[in-house]
Amino acid sequence: MPNTPRELARKEKIVAAAIALYTEDRAGFTMTKLARKTRIKKVEIYRLFNSRDAILKFSYPLCVHRYRAMIAEIDDFASWSF
């Protein structure tokens, strides 16, 4: 996972936009369109992710990270059982 909250926020923004673009037009999903949609320079996106696939693949670890953050906020989560 990212080292800083700012980097994580940037990655979350990039991943959310990438998923939206990919869902809208799979064949037309480009880094140029992603940079335009996020207003983040392509070079910065490539600094965080080395490919389009890496961006899309990051969505799962991001979900796990969000889940862990949510359960950390729940009092006595460890004592819950299903």
C-alpha atoms as a PDB file:
ATOM      1  CA  MET A   1       0.000   0.000   0.000  1.00  0.00           C
ATOM      2  CA  PRO A   2       1.068   3.604  -0.428  1.00  0.00           C
ATOM      3  CA  ASN A   3       3.377   5.260   2.059  1.00  0.00           C
ATOM      4  CA  THR A   4       1.375   8.438   2.627  1.00  0.00           C
ATOM      5  CA  PRO A   5      -2.301   9.394   2.927  1.00  0.00           C
ATOM      6  CA  ARG A   6      -1.831  11.855   0.039  1.00  0.00           C
ATOM      7  CA  GLU A   7      -0.451   9.136  -2.224  1.00  0.00           C
ATOM      8  CA  LEU A   8      -3.302   6.807  -1.280  1.00  0.00           C
ATOM      9  CA  ALA A   9      -5.843   9.542  -2.057  1.00  0.00           C
ATOM     10  CA  ARG A  10      -4.260  10.097  -5.474  1.00  0.00           C
ATOM     11  CA  LYS A  11      -4.284   6.360  -6.190  1.00  0.00           C
ATOM     12  CA  GLU A  12      -7.936   6.111  -5.110  1.00  0.00           C
ATOM     13  CA  LYS A  13      -8.845   8.973  -7.449  1.00  0.00           C
ATOM     14  CA  ILE A  14      -6.958   7.381 -10.338  1.00  0.00           C
ATOM     15  CA  VAL A  15      -8.468   3.930  -9.752  1.00  0.00           C
ATOM     16  CA  ALA A  16     -12.028   5.282  -9.493  1.00  0.00           C
ATOM     17  CA  ALA A  17     -11.633   7.241 -12.735  1.00  0.00           C
ATOM     18  CA  ALA A  18      -9.956   4.310 -14.479  1.00  0.00           C
ATOM     19  CA  ILE A  19     -12.768   1.944 -13.573  1.00  0.00           C
ATOM     20  CA  ALA A  20     -15.343   4.453 -14.828  1.00  0.00           C
ATOM     21  CA  LEU A  21     -13.479   4.956 -18.129  1.00  0.00           C
ATOM     22  CA  TYR A  22     -12.866   1.226 -18.575  1.00  0.00           C
ATOM     23  CA  THR A  23     -16.511   0.442 -17.925  1.00  0.00           C
ATOM     24  CA  GLU A  24     -17.673   3.106 -20.402  1.00  0.00           C
ATOM     25  CA  ASP A  25     -15.292   2.184 -23.232  1.00  0.00           C
ATOM     26  CA  ARG A  26     -12.969  -0.740 -22.654  1.00  0.00           C
ATOM     27  CA  ALA A  27     -11.136  -0.388 -25.967  1.00  0.00           C
ATOM     28  CA  GLY A  28     -10.871   3.387 -25.639  1.00  0.00           C
ATOM     29  CA  PHE A  29      -9.427   3.410 -22.127  1.00  0.00           C
ATOM     30  CA  THR A  30      -6.152   5.341 -22.426  1.00  0.00           C
ATOM     31  CA  MET A  31      -3.777   7.014 -20.023  1.00  0.00           C
ATOM     32  CA  THR A  32      -4.402  10.308 -21.838  1.00  0.00           C
ATOM     33  CA  LYS A  33      -8.136  10.082 -21.125  1.00  0.00           C
ATOM     34  CA  LEU A  34      -7.402   9.074 -17.555  1.00  0.00           C
ATOM     35  CA  ALA A  35      -5.064  12.034 -17.064  1.00  0.00           C
ATOM     36  CA  ARG A  36      -7.702  14.370 -18.489  1.00  0.00           C
ATOM     37  CA  LYS A  37     -10.458  12.949 -16.268  1.00  0.00           C
ATOM     38  CA  THR A  38      -8.381  13.068 -13.070  1.00  0.00           C
ATOM     39  CA  ARG A  39      -6.490  16.277 -13.914  1.00  0.00           C
ATOM     40  CA  ILE A  40      -3.307  14.452 -12.963  1.00  0.00           C
ATOM     41  CA  LYS A  41      -0.409  14.518 -15.412  1.00  0.00           C
ATOM     42  CA  LYS A  42       0.340  11.268 -17.216  1.00  0.00           C
ATOM     43  CA  VAL A  43       3.890  11.258 -15.887  1.00  0.00           C
ATOM     44  CA  GLU A  44       2.520  11.391 -12.328  1.00  0.00           C
ATOM     45  CA  ILE A  45       0.097   8.546 -13.034  1.00  0.00           C
ATOM     46  CA  TYR A  46       2.983   6.482 -14.439  1.00  0.00           C
ATOM     47  CA  ARG A  47       5.025   7.275 -11.329  1.00  0.00           C
ATOM     48  CA  LEU A  48       2.291   5.663  -9.224  1.00  0.00           C
ATOM     49  CA  PHE A  49       1.325   2.876 -11.658  1.00  0.00           C
ATOM     50  CA  ASN A  50       3.495   1.431 -14.410  1.00  0.00           C
ATOM     51  CA  SER A  51       0.580   0.381 -16.646  1.00  0.00           C
ATOM     52  CA  ARG A  52      -3.172   0.506 -17.172  1.00  0.00           C
ATOM     53  CA  ASP A  53      -3.417  -3.069 -15.917  1.00  0.00           C
ATOM     54  CA  ALA A  54      -1.616  -2.106 -12.719  1.00  0.00           C
ATOM     55  CA  ILE A  55      -4.222   0.584 -12.091  1.00  0.00           C
ATOM     56  CA  LEU A  56      -7.124  -1.807 -12.564  1.00  0.00           C
ATOM     57  CA  LYS A  57      -5.443  -4.554 -10.522  1.00  0.00           C
ATOM     58  CA  PHE A  58      -4.931  -2.114  -7.650  1.00  0.00           C
ATOM     59  CA  SER A  59      -8.701  -1.886  -7.157  1.00  0.00           C
ATOM     60  CA  TYR A  60      -8.804  -5.126  -5.129  1.00  0.00           C
ATOM     61  CA  PRO A  61      -6.049  -4.215  -2.612  1.00  0.00           C
ATOM     62  CA  LEU A  62      -7.708  -0.812  -2.350  1.00  0.00           C
ATOM     63  CA  CYS A  63     -10.999  -2.489  -1.361  1.00  0.00           C
ATOM     64  CA  VAL A  64      -9.165  -4.510   1.283  1.00  0.00           C
ATOM     65  CA  HIS A  65      -7.494  -1.359   2.602  1.00  0.00           C
ATOM     66  CA  ARG A  66     -10.857   0.445   2.809  1.00  0.00           C
ATOM     67  CA  TYR A  67     -12.433  -2.563   4.543  1.00  0.00           C
ATOM     68  CA  ARG A  68      -9.674  -2.648   7.156  1.00  0.00           C
ATOM     69  CA  ALA A  69     -10.059   1.081   7.762  1.00  0.00           C
ATOM     70  CA  MET A  70     -13.816   0.668   8.240  1.00  0.00           C
ATOM     71  CA  ILE A  71     -13.553  -2.218  10.685  1.00  0.00           C
ATOM     72  CA  ALA A  72     -10.905  -0.340  12.662  1.00  0.00           C
ATOM     73  CA  GLU A  73     -13.585   2.261  13.387  1.00  0.00           C
ATOM     74  CA  ILE A  74     -16.087  -0.288  14.754  1.00  0.00           C
ATOM     75  CA  ASP A  75     -15.916  -0.714  18.515  1.00  0.00           C
ATOM     76  CA  ASP A  76     -15.379  -4.319  19.598  1.00  0.00           C
ATOM     77  CA  PHE A  77     -15.315  -5.620  16.035  1.00  0.00           C
ATOM     78  CA  ALA A  78     -13.155  -8.577  17.075  1.00  0.00           C
ATOM     79  CA  SER A  79     -15.857  -9.771  19.471  1.00  0.00           C
ATOM     80  CA  TRP A  80     -18.525  -9.923  16.780  1.00  0.00           C
ATOM     81  CA  SER A  81     -19.430 -13.309  15.390  1.00  0.00           C
ATOM     82  CA  PHE A  82     -21.587 -14.488  12.527  1.00  0.00           C
END
